[in-house]
Amino acid sequence: MRTRARALGHPIHPMLVVFPLGLFTTAVIFDLVFLLGDNETFSQVGFWNITAGVIGAILAALAGVVDWTGIPARTRAKSVGLLHGGLNSAALVLFVIAWIVRLDRSGHAPPVAVFVLQVVALVVASGAAWFGGELVGRLGVGVDEDAGVDAPSSLSAGGSRFGRPRART
């Protein structure tokens, strides 16, 4: 099932989700380093990673909602997509809470409770990512109808693969 939000033949949502996931994961790592060593640089980097991650998550969510509206009603994919989006929304809210708490703190340092909240948010986001994989890998959402091991390039106008004519059998 092709997704609605596409660029150059590819779904946009999967292109965008890697940024917030990577930024949130990196923020948790930098915050752990800060808590273990008390070097304010690490808490600052963690804070700004969360800032960029929140922006990226909002953009990814917008593309995801557009795609979700194209999934047929009363299908397993629609339910899994709703769970995927709901878990991602919950993770985003948790990271926003962590970000707000850190706004006025010296060096944007996370208290231990906020760090734990971020770890919980990361676990929730990981579960959401698994459901996203279920949507694509098992339910075929976002997979082009002509997909296959010898499919033509998404940039071709039907028939070429890496610039060569596609062999017909």
C-alpha atoms as a PDB file:
ATOM      1  CA  MET A   1       0.000   0.000   0.000  1.00  0.00           C
ATOM      2  CA  ARG A   2       1.540   3.285  -1.113  1.00  0.00           C
ATOM      3  CA  THR A   3       1.587   6.074   1.416  1.00  0.00           C
ATOM      4  CA  ARG A   4       0.110   9.489   0.705  1.00  0.00           C
ATOM      5  CA  ALA A   5       3.122  11.613   1.732  1.00  0.00           C
ATOM      6  CA  ARG A   6       5.900  10.805  -0.739  1.00  0.00           C
ATOM      7  CA  ALA A   7       9.018  12.447  -2.170  1.00  0.00           C
ATOM      8  CA  LEU A   8      10.843  11.171  -5.249  1.00  0.00           C
ATOM      9  CA  GLY A   9       8.882   7.934  -5.062  1.00  0.00           C
ATOM     10  CA  HIS A  10       9.586   7.183  -1.398  1.00  0.00           C
ATOM     11  CA  PRO A  11       7.472   7.614   1.755  1.00  0.00           C
ATOM     12  CA  ILE A  12       8.436  10.724   3.727  1.00  0.00           C
ATOM     13  CA  HIS A  13       7.513   9.478   7.218  1.00  0.00           C
ATOM     14  CA  PRO A  14      10.264   6.815   7.475  1.00  0.00           C
ATOM     15  CA  MET A  15      12.805   9.367   6.239  1.00  0.00           C
ATOM     16  CA  LEU A  16      11.885  11.738   9.058  1.00  0.00           C
ATOM     17  CA  VAL A  17      11.567   9.345  12.019  1.00  0.00           C
ATOM     18  CA  VAL A  18      15.284   8.537  12.149  1.00  0.00           C
ATOM     19  CA  PHE A  19      16.106  12.070  13.283  1.00  0.00           C
ATOM     20  CA  PRO A  20      14.017  12.289  16.473  1.00  0.00           C
ATOM     21  CA  LEU A  21      14.830   8.685  17.412  1.00  0.00           C
ATOM     22  CA  GLY A  22      18.545   9.342  17.019  1.00  0.00           C
ATOM     23  CA  LEU A  23      18.407  12.710  18.746  1.00  0.00           C
ATOM     24  CA  PHE A  24      16.390  11.418  21.711  1.00  0.00           C
ATOM     25  CA  THR A  25      18.694   8.411  22.109  1.00  0.00           C
ATOM     26  CA  THR A  26      21.754  10.638  21.952  1.00  0.00           C
ATOM     27  CA  ALA A  27      20.210  13.020  24.497  1.00  0.00           C
ATOM     28  CA  VAL A  28      19.733  10.178  26.971  1.00  0.00           C
ATOM     29  CA  ILE A  29      23.343   9.070  26.460  1.00  0.00           C
ATOM     30  CA  PHE A  30      24.719  12.591  26.943  1.00  0.00           C
ATOM     31  CA  ASP A  31      22.555  13.091  30.022  1.00  0.00           C
ATOM     32  CA  LEU A  32      23.819   9.830  31.483  1.00  0.00           C
ATOM     33  CA  VAL A  33      27.388  10.996  30.893  1.00  0.00           C
ATOM     34  CA  PHE A  34      26.502  14.295  32.602  1.00  0.00           C
ATOM     35  CA  LEU A  35      24.968  12.558  35.615  1.00  0.00           C
ATOM     36  CA  LEU A  36      27.994  10.287  35.989  1.00  0.00           C
ATOM     37  CA  GLY A  37      30.595  13.016  35.521  1.00  0.00           C
ATOM     38  CA  ASP A  38      28.932  16.378  36.234  1.00  0.00           C
ATOM     39  CA  ASN A  39      30.288  18.077  33.096  1.00  0.00           C
ATOM     40  CA  GLU A  40      27.717  20.731  32.135  1.00  0.00           C
ATOM     41  CA  THR A  41      28.622  20.502  28.440  1.00  0.00           C
ATOM     42  CA  PHE A  42      26.968  17.087  28.281  1.00  0.00           C
ATOM     43  CA  SER A  43      23.722  18.322  29.835  1.00  0.00           C
ATOM     44  CA  GLN A  44      23.637  21.227  27.363  1.00  0.00           C
ATOM     45  CA  VAL A  45      24.126  18.879  24.408  1.00  0.00           C
ATOM     46  CA  GLY A  46      21.433  16.561  25.779  1.00  0.00           C
ATOM     47  CA  PHE A  47      19.013  19.459  26.146  1.00  0.00           C
ATOM     48  CA  TRP A  48      19.574  20.714  22.598  1.00  0.00           C
ATOM     49  CA  ASN A  49      19.267  17.182  21.228  1.00  0.00           C
ATOM     50  CA  ILE A  50      15.835  16.995  22.856  1.00  0.00           C
ATOM     51  CA  THR A  51      14.958  20.394  21.371  1.00  0.00           C
ATOM     52  CA  ALA A  52      15.840  19.250  17.861  1.00  0.00           C
ATOM     53  CA  GLY A  53      14.224  15.855  18.476  1.00  0.00           C
ATOM     54  CA  VAL A  54      10.916  17.458  19.433  1.00  0.00           C
ATOM     55  CA  ILE A  55      10.915  19.531  16.239  1.00  0.00           C
ATOM     56  CA  GLY A  56      11.771  16.461  14.167  1.00  0.00           C
ATOM     57  CA  ALA A  57       9.131  14.355  15.917  1.00  0.00           C
ATOM     58  CA  ILE A  58       6.432  16.905  15.131  1.00  0.00           C
ATOM     59  CA  LEU A  59       7.398  16.912  11.442  1.00  0.00           C
ATOM     60  CA  ALA A  60       7.493  13.100  11.353  1.00  0.00           C
ATOM     61  CA  ALA A  61       4.114  12.954  13.099  1.00  0.00           C
ATOM     62  CA  LEU A  62       2.539  15.231  10.490  1.00  0.00           C
ATOM     63  CA  ALA A  63       3.705  12.938   7.676  1.00  0.00           C
ATOM     64  CA  GLY A  64       2.584   9.922   9.702  1.00  0.00           C
ATOM     65  CA  VAL A  65      -0.920  11.311  10.190  1.00  0.00           C
ATOM     66  CA  VAL A  66      -1.213  11.962   6.457  1.00  0.00           C
ATOM     67  CA  ASP A  67      -0.210   8.348   5.780  1.00  0.00           C
ATOM     68  CA  TRP A  68      -2.476   6.948   8.500  1.00  0.00           C
ATOM     69  CA  THR A  69      -5.533   8.662   6.983  1.00  0.00           C
ATOM     70  CA  GLY A  70      -4.910   6.660   3.793  1.00  0.00           C
ATOM     71  CA  ILE A  71      -5.048   3.261   5.519  1.00  0.00           C
ATOM     72  CA  PRO A  72      -8.393   1.541   4.936  1.00  0.00           C
ATOM     73  CA  ALA A  73     -10.789   1.616   7.907  1.00  0.00           C
ATOM     74  CA  ARG A  74     -11.402  -1.485  10.031  1.00  0.00           C
ATOM     75  CA  THR A  75      -8.093  -3.099   9.101  1.00  0.00           C
ATOM     76  CA  ARG A  76      -5.341  -4.393  11.343  1.00  0.00           C
ATOM     77  CA  ALA A  77      -3.038  -1.805   9.783  1.00  0.00           C
ATOM     78  CA  LYS A  78      -5.351   1.025  10.850  1.00  0.00           C
ATOM     79  CA  SER A  79      -5.327  -0.266  14.464  1.00  0.00           C
ATOM     80  CA  VAL A  80      -1.569  -0.850  14.517  1.00  0.00           C
ATOM     81  CA  GLY A  81      -1.036   2.597  12.993  1.00  0.00           C
ATOM     82  CA  LEU A  82      -3.160   4.159  15.718  1.00  0.00           C
ATOM     83  CA  LEU A  83      -1.146   2.349  18.401  1.00  0.00           C
ATOM     84  CA  HIS A  84       2.116   3.357  16.693  1.00  0.00           C
ATOM     85  CA  GLY A  85       1.050   7.010  16.574  1.00  0.00           C
ATOM     86  CA  GLY A  86      -0.318   6.961  20.116  1.00  0.00           C
ATOM     87  CA  LEU A  87       2.895   5.561  21.575  1.00  0.00           C
ATOM     88  CA  ASN A  88       4.977   8.057  19.606  1.00  0.00           C
ATOM     89  CA  SER A  89       2.746  10.869  20.853  1.00  0.00           C
ATOM     90  CA  ALA A  90       3.178   9.682  24.437  1.00  0.00           C
ATOM     91  CA  ALA A  91       6.973   9.570  24.016  1.00  0.00           C
ATOM     92  CA  LEU A  92       6.916  13.065  22.521  1.00  0.00           C
ATOM     93  CA  VAL A  93       4.876  14.421  25.448  1.00  0.00           C
ATOM     94  CA  LEU A  94       7.326  12.866  27.924  1.00  0.00           C
ATOM     95  CA  PHE A  95      10.300  14.449  26.147  1.00  0.00           C
ATOM     96  CA  VAL A  96       8.496  17.810  26.024  1.00  0.00           C
ATOM     97  CA  ILE A  97       7.923  17.573  29.793  1.00  0.00           C
ATOM     98  CA  ALA A  98      11.615  16.804  30.309  1.00  0.00           C
ATOM     99  CA  TRP A  99      12.527  19.750  28.072  1.00  0.00           C
ATOM    100  CA  ILE A 100      10.224  22.163  29.958  1.00  0.00           C
ATOM    101  CA  VAL A 101      11.587  21.106  33.356  1.00  0.00           C
ATOM    102  CA  ARG A 102      15.138  21.718  32.118  1.00  0.00           C
ATOM    103  CA  LEU A 103      14.462  25.158  30.619  1.00  0.00           C
ATOM    104  CA  ASP A 104      15.339  27.216  33.706  1.00  0.00           C
ATOM    105  CA  ARG A 105      17.894  24.883  35.256  1.00  0.00           C
ATOM    106  CA  SER A 106      21.581  25.758  35.324  1.00  0.00           C
ATOM    107  CA  GLY A 107      23.194  24.223  32.261  1.00  0.00           C
ATOM    108  CA  HIS A 108      19.818  22.738  31.369  1.00  0.00           C
ATOM    109  CA  ALA A 109      20.849  19.894  33.658  1.00  0.00           C
ATOM    110  CA  PRO A 110      18.373  17.053  34.103  1.00  0.00           C
ATOM    111  CA  PRO A 111      17.437  16.027  37.625  1.00  0.00           C
ATOM    112  CA  VAL A 112      17.616  12.252  38.089  1.00  0.00           C
ATOM    113  CA  ALA A 113      13.803  11.999  37.937  1.00  0.00           C
ATOM    114  CA  VAL A 114      13.779  13.755  34.553  1.00  0.00           C
ATOM    115  CA  PHE A 115      16.516  11.438  33.291  1.00  0.00           C
ATOM    116  CA  VAL A 116      14.362   8.459  34.325  1.00  0.00           C
ATOM    117  CA  LEU A 117      11.424  10.063  32.503  1.00  0.00           C
ATOM    118  CA  GLN A 118      13.564  10.357  29.372  1.00  0.00           C
ATOM    119  CA  VAL A 119      14.573   6.690  29.608  1.00  0.00           C
ATOM    120  CA  VAL A 120      10.882   5.730  29.923  1.00  0.00           C
ATOM    121  CA  ALA A 121      10.099   7.928  26.906  1.00  0.00           C
ATOM    122  CA  LEU A 122      12.852   6.214  24.930  1.00  0.00           C
ATOM    123  CA  VAL A 123      11.462   2.772  25.826  1.00  0.00           C
ATOM    124  CA  VAL A 124       7.991   3.904  24.725  1.00  0.00           C
ATOM    125  CA  ALA A 125       9.443   5.297  21.467  1.00  0.00           C
ATOM    126  CA  SER A 126      11.233   1.982  20.876  1.00  0.00           C
ATOM    127  CA  GLY A 127       7.935   0.129  21.240  1.00  0.00           C
ATOM    128  CA  ALA A 128       6.348   2.571  18.826  1.00  0.00           C
ATOM    129  CA  ALA A 129       9.191   1.958  16.375  1.00  0.00           C
ATOM    130  CA  TRP A 130       8.524  -1.777  16.567  1.00  0.00           C
ATOM    131  CA  PHE A 131       4.893  -1.159  15.612  1.00  0.00           C
ATOM    132  CA  GLY A 132       6.114   1.036  12.750  1.00  0.00           C
ATOM    133  CA  GLY A 133       8.203  -1.892  11.548  1.00  0.00           C
ATOM    134  CA  GLU A 134       5.128  -4.098  11.827  1.00  0.00           C
ATOM    135  CA  LEU A 135       3.232  -1.658   9.604  1.00  0.00           C
ATOM    136  CA  VAL A 136       5.875  -1.768   6.896  1.00  0.00           C
ATOM    137  CA  GLY A 137       7.439  -5.208   7.158  1.00  0.00           C
ATOM    138  CA  ARG A 138       4.350  -7.265   7.979  1.00  0.00           C
ATOM    139  CA  LEU A 139       1.393  -5.218   6.779  1.00  0.00           C
ATOM    140  CA  GLY A 140       3.003  -3.639   3.716  1.00  0.00           C
ATOM    141  CA  VAL A 141       2.098  -0.037   4.535  1.00  0.00           C
ATOM    142  CA  GLY A 142       4.410   2.299   2.633  1.00  0.00           C
ATOM    143  CA  VAL A 143       5.553  -0.439   0.272  1.00  0.00           C
ATOM    144  CA  ASP A 144       5.107   0.333  -3.406  1.00  0.00           C
ATOM    145  CA  GLU A 145       2.764  -1.982  -5.300  1.00  0.00           C
ATOM    146  CA  ASP A 146       5.554  -2.769  -7.787  1.00  0.00           C
ATOM    147  CA  ALA A 147       8.094  -3.612  -5.073  1.00  0.00           C
ATOM    148  CA  GLY A 148      10.295  -6.630  -5.601  1.00  0.00           C
ATOM    149  CA  VAL A 149      13.911  -7.689  -5.710  1.00  0.00           C
ATOM    150  CA  ASP A 150      14.221  -6.591  -9.344  1.00  0.00           C
ATOM    151  CA  ALA A 151      11.814  -3.633  -9.339  1.00  0.00           C
ATOM    152  CA  PRO A 152      12.697  -0.578 -11.401  1.00  0.00           C
ATOM    153  CA  SER A 153      14.086   2.542  -9.755  1.00  0.00           C
ATOM    154  CA  SER A 154      11.551   4.759  -8.058  1.00  0.00           C
ATOM    155  CA  LEU A 155      12.953   7.598 -10.174  1.00  0.00           C
ATOM    156  CA  SER A 156      12.305   5.801 -13.458  1.00  0.00           C
ATOM    157  CA  ALA A 157       9.202   6.280 -15.505  1.00  0.00           C
ATOM    158  CA  GLY A 158       8.418   2.575 -15.539  1.00  0.00           C
ATOM    159  CA  GLY A 159      10.862   0.083 -16.795  1.00  0.00           C
ATOM    160  CA  SER A 160      14.456   0.991 -16.083  1.00  0.00           C
ATOM    161  CA  ARG A 161      16.559  -0.247 -13.248  1.00  0.00           C
ATOM    162  CA  PHE A 162      19.667   1.787 -12.453  1.00  0.00           C
ATOM    163  CA  GLY A 163      19.351   3.431 -15.882  1.00  0.00           C
ATOM    164  CA  ARG A 164      19.206   0.144 -17.860  1.00  0.00           C
ATOM    165  CA  PRO A 165      16.160  -1.247 -19.631  1.00  0.00           C
ATOM    166  CA  ARG A 166      14.333  -3.778 -17.498  1.00  0.00           C
ATOM    167  CA  ALA A 167      14.392  -7.302 -18.856  1.00  0.00           C
ATOM    168  CA  ARG A 168      10.917  -8.701 -19.545  1.00  0.00           C
ATOM    169  CA  THR A 169      10.244 -12.386 -19.106  1.00  0.00           C
END
